[in-house]
């Protein structure tokens, strides 16, 4: 029940344009991290 409460109160929800932005940011970050050797 506590885990459900944690998930329910997580913000912002990864849906719609927010999920799209998260996916694009992940692509960009992987390129930067690989280029810098991190």
ModelCIF file with pLDDT and N, C-alpha, C, O atoms, coordinates in Angstrom:
data_MODEL
#
_entry.id   MODEL 
#
_entity.id                         1 
_entity.type                       polymer 
_entity.pdbx_number_of_molecules   1 
#
_entity_poly.entity_id                      1 
_entity_poly.type                           'polypeptide(L)' 
_entity_poly.nstd_linkage                   no 
_entity_poly.nstd_monomer                   no 
_entity_poly.pdbx_seq_one_letter_code       
;(UNK)(UNK)(UNK)(UNK)(UNK)(UNK)(UNK)(UNK)(UNK)(UNK)(UNK)(UNK)(UNK)(UNK)(UNK)(UNK)
(UNK)(UNK)(UNK)(UNK)(UNK)(UNK)(UNK)(UNK)(UNK)(UNK)(UNK)(UNK)(UNK)(UNK)(UNK)(UNK)
(UNK)(UNK)(UNK)(UNK)(UNK)(UNK)
;
_entity_poly.pdbx_seq_one_letter_code_can   XXXXXXXXXXXXXXXXXXXXXXXXXXXXXXXXXXXXXX 
_entity_poly.pdbx_strand_id                 A 
#
loop_
_entity_poly_seq.entity_id 
_entity_poly_seq.num 
_entity_poly_seq.mon_id 
_entity_poly_seq.hetero 
1 1  UNK n 
1 2  UNK n 
1 3  UNK n 
1 4  UNK n 
1 5  UNK n 
1 6  UNK n 
1 7  UNK n 
1 8  UNK n 
1 9  UNK n 
1 10 UNK n 
1 11 UNK n 
1 12 UNK n 
1 13 UNK n 
1 14 UNK n 
1 15 UNK n 
1 16 UNK n 
1 17 UNK n 
1 18 UNK n 
1 19 UNK n 
1 20 UNK n 
1 21 UNK n 
1 22 UNK n 
1 23 UNK n 
1 24 UNK n 
1 25 UNK n 
1 26 UNK n 
1 27 UNK n 
1 28 UNK n 
1 29 UNK n 
1 30 UNK n 
1 31 UNK n 
1 32 UNK n 
1 33 UNK n 
1 34 UNK n 
1 35 UNK n 
1 36 UNK n 
1 37 UNK n 
1 38 UNK n 
#
_struct_asym.id          A 
_struct_asym.entity_id   1 
#
loop_
_ma_qa_metric.id 
_ma_qa_metric.mode 
_ma_qa_metric.name 
_ma_qa_metric.software_group_id 
_ma_qa_metric.type 
1 global pLDDT . pLDDT 
2 local  pLDDT . pLDDT 
#
_ma_qa_metric_global.metric_id      1 
_ma_qa_metric_global.metric_value   95.05 
_ma_qa_metric_global.model_id       1 
_ma_qa_metric_global.ordinal_id     1 
#
loop_
_ma_qa_metric_local.label_asym_id 
_ma_qa_metric_local.label_comp_id 
_ma_qa_metric_local.label_seq_id 
_ma_qa_metric_local.metric_id 
_ma_qa_metric_local.metric_value 
_ma_qa_metric_local.model_id 
_ma_qa_metric_local.ordinal_id 
A UNK 1  2 96.00 1 1  
A UNK 2  2 94.00 1 2  
A UNK 3  2 93.00 1 3  
A UNK 4  2 93.00 1 4  
A UNK 5  2 94.00 1 5  
A UNK 6  2 94.00 1 6  
A UNK 7  2 92.00 1 7  
A UNK 8  2 92.00 1 8  
A UNK 9  2 92.00 1 9  
A UNK 10 2 92.00 1 10 
A UNK 11 2 90.00 1 11 
A UNK 12 2 91.00 1 12 
A UNK 13 2 89.00 1 13 
A UNK 14 2 93.00 1 14 
A UNK 15 2 93.00 1 15 
A UNK 16 2 94.00 1 16 
A UNK 17 2 95.00 1 17 
A UNK 18 2 95.00 1 18 
A UNK 19 2 95.00 1 19 
A UNK 20 2 96.00 1 20 
A UNK 21 2 96.00 1 21 
A UNK 22 2 96.00 1 22 
A UNK 23 2 96.00 1 23 
A UNK 24 2 96.00 1 24 
A UNK 25 2 97.00 1 25 
A UNK 26 2 97.00 1 26 
A UNK 27 2 97.00 1 27 
A UNK 28 2 97.00 1 28 
A UNK 29 2 98.00 1 29 
A UNK 30 2 98.00 1 30 
A UNK 31 2 98.00 1 31 
A UNK 32 2 98.00 1 32 
A UNK 33 2 98.00 1 33 
A UNK 34 2 97.00 1 34 
A UNK 35 2 97.00 1 35 
A UNK 36 2 97.00 1 36 
A UNK 37 2 98.00 1 37 
A UNK 38 2 98.00 1 38 
#
loop_
_atom_site.group_PDB 
_atom_site.id 
_atom_site.type_symbol 
_atom_site.label_atom_id 
_atom_site.label_alt_id 
_atom_site.label_comp_id 
_atom_site.label_asym_id 
_atom_site.label_entity_id 
_atom_site.label_seq_id 
_atom_site.pdbx_PDB_ins_code 
_atom_site.Cartn_x 
_atom_site.Cartn_y 
_atom_site.Cartn_z 
_atom_site.occupancy 
_atom_site.B_iso_or_equiv 
_atom_site.pdbx_formal_charge 
_atom_site.auth_seq_id 
_atom_site.auth_comp_id 
_atom_site.auth_asym_id 
_atom_site.auth_atom_id 
_atom_site.pdbx_PDB_model_num 
ATOM 1   N N  . UNK A 1 1  ? 0.833  -1.198 0.000   1.00 96.00 ? 1  UNK A N  1 
ATOM 2   C CA . UNK A 1 1  ? 0.000  0.000  0.000   1.00 96.00 ? 1  UNK A CA 1 
ATOM 3   C C  . UNK A 1 1  ? 0.873  1.255  0.000   1.00 96.00 ? 1  UNK A C  1 
ATOM 4   O O  . UNK A 1 1  ? 0.564  2.228  -0.688  1.00 96.00 ? 1  UNK A O  1 
ATOM 5   N N  . UNK A 1 2  ? 1.955  1.233  0.767   1.00 94.00 ? 2  UNK A N  1 
ATOM 6   C CA . UNK A 1 2  ? 2.862  2.378  0.801   1.00 94.00 ? 2  UNK A CA 1 
ATOM 7   C C  . UNK A 1 2  ? 3.550  2.570  -0.546  1.00 94.00 ? 2  UNK A C  1 
ATOM 8   O O  . UNK A 1 2  ? 3.752  3.699  -0.992  1.00 94.00 ? 2  UNK A O  1 
ATOM 9   N N  . UNK A 1 3  ? 3.906  1.465  -1.191  1.00 93.00 ? 3  UNK A N  1 
ATOM 10  C CA . UNK A 1 3  ? 4.519  1.569  -2.517  1.00 93.00 ? 3  UNK A CA 1 
ATOM 11  C C  . UNK A 1 3  ? 3.543  2.159  -3.511  1.00 93.00 ? 3  UNK A C  1 
ATOM 12  O O  . UNK A 1 3  ? 3.929  2.970  -4.353  1.00 93.00 ? 3  UNK A O  1 
ATOM 13  N N  . UNK A 1 4  ? 2.276  1.763  -3.426  1.00 93.00 ? 4  UNK A N  1 
ATOM 14  C CA . UNK A 1 4  ? 1.264  2.343  -4.308  1.00 93.00 ? 4  UNK A CA 1 
ATOM 15  C C  . UNK A 1 4  ? 1.156  3.852  -4.076  1.00 93.00 ? 4  UNK A C  1 
ATOM 16  O O  . UNK A 1 4  ? 1.038  4.623  -5.028  1.00 93.00 ? 4  UNK A O  1 
ATOM 17  N N  . UNK A 1 5  ? 1.198  4.273  -2.800  1.00 94.00 ? 5  UNK A N  1 
ATOM 18  C CA . UNK A 1 5  ? 1.120  5.703  -2.488  1.00 94.00 ? 5  UNK A CA 1 
ATOM 19  C C  . UNK A 1 5  ? 2.313  6.448  -3.076  1.00 94.00 ? 5  UNK A C  1 
ATOM 20  O O  . UNK A 1 5  ? 2.166  7.575  -3.549  1.00 94.00 ? 5  UNK A O  1 
ATOM 21  N N  . UNK A 1 6  ? 3.496  5.829  -3.050  1.00 94.00 ? 6  UNK A N  1 
ATOM 22  C CA . UNK A 1 6  ? 4.687  6.458  -3.627  1.00 94.00 ? 6  UNK A CA 1 
ATOM 23  C C  . UNK A 1 6  ? 4.510  6.636  -5.132  1.00 94.00 ? 6  UNK A C  1 
ATOM 24  O O  . UNK A 1 6  ? 4.786  7.706  -5.675  1.00 94.00 ? 6  UNK A O  1 
ATOM 25  N N  . UNK A 1 7  ? 4.049  5.583  -5.799  1.00 92.00 ? 7  UNK A N  1 
ATOM 26  C CA . UNK A 1 7  ? 3.857  5.658  -7.251  1.00 92.00 ? 7  UNK A CA 1 
ATOM 27  C C  . UNK A 1 7  ? 2.784  6.680  -7.600  1.00 92.00 ? 7  UNK A C  1 
ATOM 28  O O  . UNK A 1 7  ? 2.929  7.445  -8.554  1.00 92.00 ? 7  UNK A O  1 
ATOM 29  N N  . UNK A 1 8  ? 1.702  6.687  -6.817  1.00 92.00 ? 8  UNK A N  1 
ATOM 30  C CA . UNK A 1 8  ? 0.587  7.595  -7.092  1.00 92.00 ? 8  UNK A CA 1 
ATOM 31  C C  . UNK A 1 8  ? 1.000  9.054  -6.960  1.00 92.00 ? 8  UNK A C  1 
ATOM 32  O O  . UNK A 1 8  ? 0.480  9.906  -7.681  1.00 92.00 ? 8  UNK A O  1 
ATOM 33  N N  . UNK A 1 9  ? 1.923  9.358  -6.052  1.00 92.00 ? 9  UNK A N  1 
ATOM 34  C CA . UNK A 1 9  ? 2.335  10.748 -5.807  1.00 92.00 ? 9  UNK A CA 1 
ATOM 35  C C  . UNK A 1 9  ? 3.595  11.131 -6.568  1.00 92.00 ? 9  UNK A C  1 
ATOM 36  O O  . UNK A 1 9  ? 4.151  12.205 -6.336  1.00 92.00 ? 9  UNK A O  1 
ATOM 37  N N  . UNK A 1 10 ? 4.062  10.260 -7.486  1.00 92.00 ? 10 UNK A N  1 
ATOM 38  C CA . UNK A 1 10 ? 5.207  10.622 -8.326  1.00 92.00 ? 10 UNK A CA 1 
ATOM 39  C C  . UNK A 1 10 ? 4.752  11.620 -9.385  1.00 92.00 ? 10 UNK A C  1 
ATOM 40  O O  . UNK A 1 10 ? 3.661  11.508 -9.944  1.00 92.00 ? 10 UNK A O  1 
ATOM 41  N N  . UNK A 1 11 ? 5.612  12.594 -9.644  1.00 90.00 ? 11 UNK A N  1 
ATOM 42  C CA . UNK A 1 11 ? 5.212  13.685 -10.548 1.00 90.00 ? 11 UNK A CA 1 
ATOM 43  C C  . UNK A 1 11 ? 6.450  14.175 -11.306 1.00 90.00 ? 11 UNK A C  1 
ATOM 44  O O  . UNK A 1 11 ? 7.545  14.167 -10.745 1.00 90.00 ? 11 UNK A O  1 
ATOM 45  N N  . UNK A 1 12 ? 6.301  14.607 -12.586 1.00 91.00 ? 12 UNK A N  1 
ATOM 46  C CA . UNK A 1 12 ? 5.086  14.599 -13.394 1.00 91.00 ? 12 UNK A CA 1 
ATOM 47  C C  . UNK A 1 12 ? 4.863  13.235 -14.031 1.00 91.00 ? 12 UNK A C  1 
ATOM 48  O O  . UNK A 1 12 ? 5.824  12.491 -14.228 1.00 91.00 ? 12 UNK A O  1 
ATOM 49  N N  . UNK A 1 13 ? 3.628  12.886 -14.359 1.00 89.00 ? 13 UNK A N  1 
ATOM 50  C CA . UNK A 1 13 ? 3.370  11.596 -14.988 1.00 89.00 ? 13 UNK A CA 1 
ATOM 51  C C  . UNK A 1 13 ? 3.975  11.546 -16.389 1.00 89.00 ? 13 UNK A C  1 
ATOM 52  O O  . UNK A 1 13 ? 3.854  12.496 -17.163 1.00 89.00 ? 13 UNK A O  1 
ATOM 53  N N  . UNK A 1 14 ? 4.622  10.437 -16.701 1.00 93.00 ? 14 UNK A N  1 
ATOM 54  C CA . UNK A 1 14 ? 5.304  10.303 -17.997 1.00 93.00 ? 14 UNK A CA 1 
ATOM 55  C C  . UNK A 1 14 ? 4.307  9.902  -19.078 1.00 93.00 ? 14 UNK A C  1 
ATOM 56  O O  . UNK A 1 14 ? 4.304  8.761  -19.539 1.00 93.00 ? 14 UNK A O  1 
ATOM 57  N N  . UNK A 1 15 ? 3.469  10.841 -19.475 1.00 93.00 ? 15 UNK A N  1 
ATOM 58  C CA . UNK A 1 15 ? 2.471  10.598 -20.520 1.00 93.00 ? 15 UNK A CA 1 
ATOM 59  C C  . UNK A 1 15 ? 2.504  11.758 -21.508 1.00 93.00 ? 15 UNK A C  1 
ATOM 60  O O  . UNK A 1 15 ? 2.985  12.845 -21.190 1.00 93.00 ? 15 UNK A O  1 
ATOM 61  N N  . UNK A 1 16 ? 1.988  11.514 -22.708 1.00 94.00 ? 16 UNK A N  1 
ATOM 62  C CA . UNK A 1 16 ? 1.865  12.567 -23.706 1.00 94.00 ? 16 UNK A CA 1 
ATOM 63  C C  . UNK A 1 16 ? 3.175  13.257 -24.032 1.00 94.00 ? 16 UNK A C  1 
ATOM 64  O O  . UNK A 1 16 ? 4.202  12.607 -24.231 1.00 94.00 ? 16 UNK A O  1 
ATOM 65  N N  . UNK A 1 17 ? 3.129  14.579 -24.084 1.00 95.00 ? 17 UNK A N  1 
ATOM 66  C CA . UNK A 1 17 ? 4.303  15.366 -24.462 1.00 95.00 ? 17 UNK A CA 1 
ATOM 67  C C  . UNK A 1 17 ? 5.426  15.250 -23.430 1.00 95.00 ? 17 UNK A C  1 
ATOM 68  O O  . UNK A 1 17 ? 6.600  15.400 -23.770 1.00 95.00 ? 17 UNK A O  1 
ATOM 69  N N  . UNK A 1 18 ? 5.070  14.985 -22.171 1.00 95.00 ? 18 UNK A N  1 
ATOM 70  C CA . UNK A 1 18 ? 6.106  14.817 -21.135 1.00 95.00 ? 18 UNK A CA 1 
ATOM 71  C C  . UNK A 1 18 ? 6.934  13.576 -21.440 1.00 95.00 ? 18 UNK A C  1 
ATOM 72  O O  . UNK A 1 18 ? 8.162  13.620 -21.359 1.00 95.00 ? 18 UNK A O  1 
ATOM 73  N N  . UNK A 1 19 ? 6.281  12.471 -21.790 1.00 95.00 ? 19 UNK A N  1 
ATOM 74  C CA . UNK A 1 19 ? 7.011  11.250 -22.139 1.00 95.00 ? 19 UNK A CA 1 
ATOM 75  C C  . UNK A 1 19 ? 7.858  11.458 -23.388 1.00 95.00 ? 19 UNK A C  1 
ATOM 76  O O  . UNK A 1 19 ? 8.983  10.964 -23.467 1.00 95.00 ? 19 UNK A O  1 
ATOM 77  N N  . UNK A 1 20 ? 7.328  12.179 -24.354 1.00 96.00 ? 20 UNK A N  1 
ATOM 78  C CA . UNK A 1 20 ? 8.087  12.467 -25.576 1.00 96.00 ? 20 UNK A CA 1 
ATOM 79  C C  . UNK A 1 20 ? 9.356  13.241 -25.251 1.00 96.00 ? 20 UNK A C  1 
ATOM 80  O O  . UNK A 1 20 ? 10.430 12.934 -25.767 1.00 96.00 ? 20 UNK A O  1 
ATOM 81  N N  . UNK A 1 21 ? 9.224  14.253 -24.384 1.00 96.00 ? 21 UNK A N  1 
ATOM 82  C CA . UNK A 1 21 ? 10.391 15.044 -23.988 1.00 96.00 ? 21 UNK A CA 1 
ATOM 83  C C  . UNK A 1 21 ? 11.406 14.182 -23.236 1.00 96.00 ? 21 UNK A C  1 
ATOM 84  O O  . UNK A 1 21 ? 12.611 14.309 -23.452 1.00 96.00 ? 21 UNK A O  1 
ATOM 85  N N  . UNK A 1 22 ? 10.916 13.301 -22.350 1.00 96.00 ? 22 UNK A N  1 
ATOM 86  C CA . UNK A 1 22 ? 11.826 12.433 -21.604 1.00 96.00 ? 22 UNK A CA 1 
ATOM 87  C C  . UNK A 1 22 ? 12.599 11.510 -22.537 1.00 96.00 ? 22 UNK A C  1 
ATOM 88  O O  . UNK A 1 22 ? 13.791 11.274 -22.340 1.00 96.00 ? 22 UNK A O  1 
ATOM 89  N N  . UNK A 1 23 ? 11.908 10.984 -23.562 1.00 96.00 ? 23 UNK A N  1 
ATOM 90  C CA . UNK A 1 23 ? 12.579 10.115 -24.520 1.00 96.00 ? 23 UNK A CA 1 
ATOM 91  C C  . UNK A 1 23 ? 13.632 10.855 -25.322 1.00 96.00 ? 23 UNK A C  1 
ATOM 92  O O  . UNK A 1 23 ? 14.734 10.345 -25.526 1.00 96.00 ? 23 UNK A O  1 
ATOM 93  N N  . UNK A 1 24 ? 13.297 12.069 -25.783 1.00 96.00 ? 24 UNK A N  1 
ATOM 94  C CA . UNK A 1 24 ? 14.265 12.872 -26.531 1.00 96.00 ? 24 UNK A CA 1 
ATOM 95  C C  . UNK A 1 24 ? 15.461 13.245 -25.669 1.00 96.00 ? 24 UNK A C  1 
ATOM 96  O O  . UNK A 1 24 ? 16.603 13.207 -26.127 1.00 96.00 ? 24 UNK A O  1 
ATOM 97  N N  . UNK A 1 25 ? 15.194 13.604 -24.421 1.00 97.00 ? 25 UNK A N  1 
ATOM 98  C CA . UNK A 1 25 ? 16.274 13.981 -23.515 1.00 97.00 ? 25 UNK A CA 1 
ATOM 99  C C  . UNK A 1 25 ? 17.184 12.785 -23.229 1.00 97.00 ? 25 UNK A C  1 
ATOM 100 O O  . UNK A 1 25 ? 18.395 12.952 -23.080 1.00 97.00 ? 25 UNK A O  1 
ATOM 101 N N  . UNK A 1 26 ? 16.619 11.598 -23.154 1.00 97.00 ? 26 UNK A N  1 
ATOM 102 C CA . UNK A 1 26 ? 17.416 10.396 -22.945 1.00 97.00 ? 26 UNK A CA 1 
ATOM 103 C C  . UNK A 1 26 ? 18.358 10.171 -24.125 1.00 97.00 ? 26 UNK A C  1 
ATOM 104 O O  . UNK A 1 26 ? 19.526 9.835  -23.932 1.00 97.00 ? 26 UNK A O  1 
ATOM 105 N N  . UNK A 1 27 ? 17.857 10.355 -25.343 1.00 97.00 ? 27 UNK A N  1 
ATOM 106 C CA . UNK A 1 27 ? 18.700 10.207 -26.533 1.00 97.00 ? 27 UNK A CA 1 
ATOM 107 C C  . UNK A 1 27 ? 19.865 11.192 -26.495 1.00 97.00 ? 27 UNK A C  1 
ATOM 108 O O  . UNK A 1 27 ? 21.016 10.815 -26.717 1.00 97.00 ? 27 UNK A O  1 
ATOM 109 N N  . UNK A 1 28 ? 19.557 12.455 -26.211 1.00 97.00 ? 28 UNK A N  1 
ATOM 110 C CA . UNK A 1 28 ? 20.599 13.485 -26.169 1.00 97.00 ? 28 UNK A CA 1 
ATOM 111 C C  . UNK A 1 28 ? 21.620 13.195 -25.065 1.00 97.00 ? 28 UNK A C  1 
ATOM 112 O O  . UNK A 1 28 ? 22.825 13.343 -25.263 1.00 97.00 ? 28 UNK A O  1 
ATOM 113 N N  . UNK A 1 29 ? 21.120 12.784 -23.911 1.00 98.00 ? 29 UNK A N  1 
ATOM 114 C CA . UNK A 1 29 ? 22.016 12.549 -22.773 1.00 98.00 ? 29 UNK A CA 1 
ATOM 115 C C  . UNK A 1 29 ? 22.954 11.375 -23.036 1.00 98.00 ? 29 UNK A C  1 
ATOM 116 O O  . UNK A 1 29 ? 24.132 11.436 -22.683 1.00 98.00 ? 29 UNK A O  1 
ATOM 117 N N  . UNK A 1 30 ? 22.444 10.303 -23.654 1.00 98.00 ? 30 UNK A N  1 
ATOM 118 C CA . UNK A 1 30 ? 23.304 9.156  -23.943 1.00 98.00 ? 30 UNK A CA 1 
ATOM 119 C C  . UNK A 1 30 ? 24.445 9.549  -24.871 1.00 98.00 ? 30 UNK A C  1 
ATOM 120 O O  . UNK A 1 30 ? 25.569 9.073  -24.710 1.00 98.00 ? 30 UNK A O  1 
ATOM 121 N N  . UNK A 1 31 ? 24.162 10.416 -25.843 1.00 98.00 ? 31 UNK A N  1 
ATOM 122 C CA . UNK A 1 31 ? 25.219 10.895 -26.734 1.00 98.00 ? 31 UNK A CA 1 
ATOM 123 C C  . UNK A 1 31 ? 26.260 11.698 -25.962 1.00 98.00 ? 31 UNK A C  1 
ATOM 124 O O  . UNK A 1 31 ? 27.461 11.504 -26.147 1.00 98.00 ? 31 UNK A O  1 
ATOM 125 N N  . UNK A 1 32 ? 25.799 12.601 -25.097 1.00 98.00 ? 32 UNK A N  1 
ATOM 126 C CA . UNK A 1 32 ? 26.716 13.438 -24.313 1.00 98.00 ? 32 UNK A CA 1 
ATOM 127 C C  . UNK A 1 32 ? 27.539 12.581 -23.357 1.00 98.00 ? 32 UNK A C  1 
ATOM 128 O O  . UNK A 1 32 ? 28.750 12.767 -23.244 1.00 98.00 ? 32 UNK A O  1 
ATOM 129 N N  . UNK A 1 33 ? 26.896 11.654 -22.677 1.00 98.00 ? 33 UNK A N  1 
ATOM 130 C CA . UNK A 1 33 ? 27.598 10.824 -21.702 1.00 98.00 ? 33 UNK A CA 1 
ATOM 131 C C  . UNK A 1 33 ? 28.634 9.936  -22.382 1.00 98.00 ? 33 UNK A C  1 
ATOM 132 O O  . UNK A 1 33 ? 29.732 9.740  -21.861 1.00 98.00 ? 33 UNK A O  1 
ATOM 133 N N  . UNK A 1 34 ? 28.277 9.397  -23.559 1.00 97.00 ? 34 UNK A N  1 
ATOM 134 C CA . UNK A 1 34 ? 29.232 8.548  -24.270 1.00 97.00 ? 34 UNK A CA 1 
ATOM 135 C C  . UNK A 1 34 ? 30.406 9.370  -24.792 1.00 97.00 ? 34 UNK A C  1 
ATOM 136 O O  . UNK A 1 34 ? 31.554 8.928  -24.736 1.00 97.00 ? 34 UNK A O  1 
ATOM 137 N N  . UNK A 1 35 ? 30.118 10.558 -25.295 1.00 97.00 ? 35 UNK A N  1 
ATOM 138 C CA . UNK A 1 35 ? 31.167 11.424 -25.832 1.00 97.00 ? 35 UNK A CA 1 
ATOM 139 C C  . UNK A 1 35 ? 32.157 11.842 -24.744 1.00 97.00 ? 35 UNK A C  1 
ATOM 140 O O  . UNK A 1 35 ? 33.351 11.981 -25.012 1.00 97.00 ? 35 UNK A O  1 
ATOM 141 N N  . UNK A 1 36 ? 31.672 12.041 -23.536 1.00 97.00 ? 36 UNK A N  1 
ATOM 142 C CA . UNK A 1 36 ? 32.544 12.467 -22.432 1.00 97.00 ? 36 UNK A CA 1 
ATOM 143 C C  . UNK A 1 36 ? 33.174 11.294 -21.676 1.00 97.00 ? 36 UNK A C  1 
ATOM 144 O O  . UNK A 1 36 ? 33.957 11.510 -20.751 1.00 97.00 ? 36 UNK A O  1 
ATOM 145 N N  . UNK A 1 37 ? 32.848 10.077 -22.050 1.00 98.00 ? 37 UNK A N  1 
ATOM 146 C CA . UNK A 1 37 ? 33.455 8.916  -21.409 1.00 98.00 ? 37 UNK A CA 1 
ATOM 147 C C  . UNK A 1 37 ? 32.865 8.577  -20.052 1.00 98.00 ? 37 UNK A C  1 
ATOM 148 O O  . UNK A 1 37 ? 33.463 7.810  -19.297 1.00 98.00 ? 37 UNK A O  1 
ATOM 149 N N  . UNK A 1 38 ? 31.695 9.136  -19.722 1.00 98.00 ? 38 UNK A N  1 
ATOM 150 C CA . UNK A 1 38 ? 31.112 8.912  -18.396 1.00 98.00 ? 38 UNK A CA 1 
ATOM 151 C C  . UNK A 1 38 ? 30.469 7.532  -18.274 1.00 98.00 ? 38 UNK A C  1 
ATOM 152 O O  . UNK A 1 38 ? 29.935 7.191  -17.218 1.00 98.00 ? 38 UNK A O  1 
#
